[in-house]
Amino acid sequence: MVASNWFGVIAPAGTPEPVIRKLNEQINAVLRDPGYRSVVESQGAEVAGGSPSDFTAFIASESARWSKLIEDKHITIQ
């Protein structure tokens, strides 16, 4: 089993598309900044980024992955 932490930004449902686009552009600009990347990577982390649809697909794959594990191992809330 391999597990890792990840972070992302999620806007409320109904956020106008131009706002989403602008946030995505600005966040990706920060993620491309060599100074920022250097600090993050020096801590052993990886810098990603991408489009809102990339992140939506990533969240869906993570949900499917962890849901399967929970089901297969019969994990329940205690």
Protein backbone atom coordinates (compact mmCIF):
# COMPACT_ATOMS: atom_id res chain seq x y z
CA MET A 1 0.00 0.00 0.00
CA VAL A 2 1.34 3.39 -0.97
CA ALA A 3 -0.25 6.48 0.53
CA SER A 4 0.67 10.11 0.17
CA ASN A 5 -0.65 13.48 1.20
CA TRP A 6 -1.83 16.02 -1.32
CA PHE A 7 -3.26 19.49 -1.19
CA GLY A 8 -5.56 21.34 -3.53
CA VAL A 9 -7.90 24.28 -3.76
CA ILE A 10 -11.62 23.70 -4.16
CA ALA A 11 -14.08 26.52 -4.78
CA PRO A 12 -17.72 26.47 -3.71
CA ALA A 13 -20.28 25.05 -6.13
CA GLY A 14 -21.58 27.73 -8.46
CA THR A 15 -18.37 29.77 -8.49
CA PRO A 16 -18.37 31.59 -11.85
CA GLU A 17 -16.10 30.08 -14.50
CA PRO A 18 -14.05 33.29 -14.97
CA VAL A 19 -13.23 33.23 -11.24
CA ILE A 20 -12.22 29.56 -11.42
CA ARG A 21 -10.07 30.28 -14.47
CA LYS A 22 -8.33 33.23 -12.78
CA LEU A 23 -7.68 31.27 -9.57
CA ASN A 24 -6.27 28.39 -11.59
CA GLU A 25 -3.99 30.68 -13.58
CA GLN A 26 -2.67 32.37 -10.44
CA ILE A 27 -2.16 29.14 -8.51
CA ASN A 28 -0.32 27.56 -11.42
CA ALA A 29 1.87 30.67 -11.71
CA VAL A 30 2.92 30.23 -8.07
CA LEU A 31 3.55 26.52 -8.63
CA ARG A 32 5.88 27.36 -11.55
CA ASP A 33 7.88 29.89 -9.50
CA PRO A 34 11.41 28.51 -9.02
CA GLY A 35 11.68 29.92 -5.49
CA TYR A 36 8.45 28.30 -4.39
CA ARG A 37 9.32 25.01 -6.06
CA SER A 38 12.72 25.00 -4.39
CA VAL A 39 11.25 25.41 -0.91
CA VAL A 40 8.59 22.73 -1.44
CA GLU A 41 10.96 20.26 -3.06
CA SER A 42 13.59 20.81 -0.35
CA GLN A 43 11.02 19.41 2.08
CA GLY A 44 10.68 16.23 0.04
CA ALA A 45 7.40 17.16 -1.59
CA GLU A 46 6.47 17.26 -5.24
CA VAL A 47 4.88 20.25 -6.94
CA ALA A 48 2.03 19.54 -9.33
CA GLY A 49 -0.60 21.77 -10.85
CA GLY A 50 -2.85 21.63 -13.85
CA SER A 51 -6.38 22.40 -14.84
CA PRO A 52 -9.61 22.18 -12.86
CA SER A 53 -10.56 19.12 -14.93
CA ASP A 54 -7.20 17.50 -14.08
CA PHE A 55 -7.92 17.99 -10.38
CA THR A 56 -11.50 16.71 -10.75
CA ALA A 57 -10.17 13.53 -12.37
CA PHE A 58 -7.53 13.16 -9.66
CA ILE A 59 -10.11 13.48 -6.88
CA ALA A 60 -12.33 10.91 -8.61
CA SER A 61 -9.44 8.45 -8.89
CA GLU A 62 -8.49 8.96 -5.23
CA SER A 63 -12.10 8.44 -4.16
CA ALA A 64 -12.35 5.23 -6.18
CA ARG A 65 -9.01 3.99 -4.83
CA TRP A 66 -9.81 4.59 -1.17
CA SER A 67 -13.43 3.43 -1.49
CA LYS A 68 -12.19 0.10 -2.85
CA LEU A 69 -9.72 -0.30 0.02
CA ILE A 70 -12.40 0.53 2.59
CA GLU A 71 -14.79 -1.97 1.01
CA ASP A 72 -12.19 -4.73 0.52
CA LYS A 73 -10.91 -4.46 4.10
CA HIS A 74 -14.39 -3.99 5.62
CA ILE A 75 -13.33 -0.78 7.33
CA THR A 76 -16.08 0.85 9.35
CA ILE A 77 -16.46 3.99 11.43
CA GLN A 78 -15.74 3.28 15.07
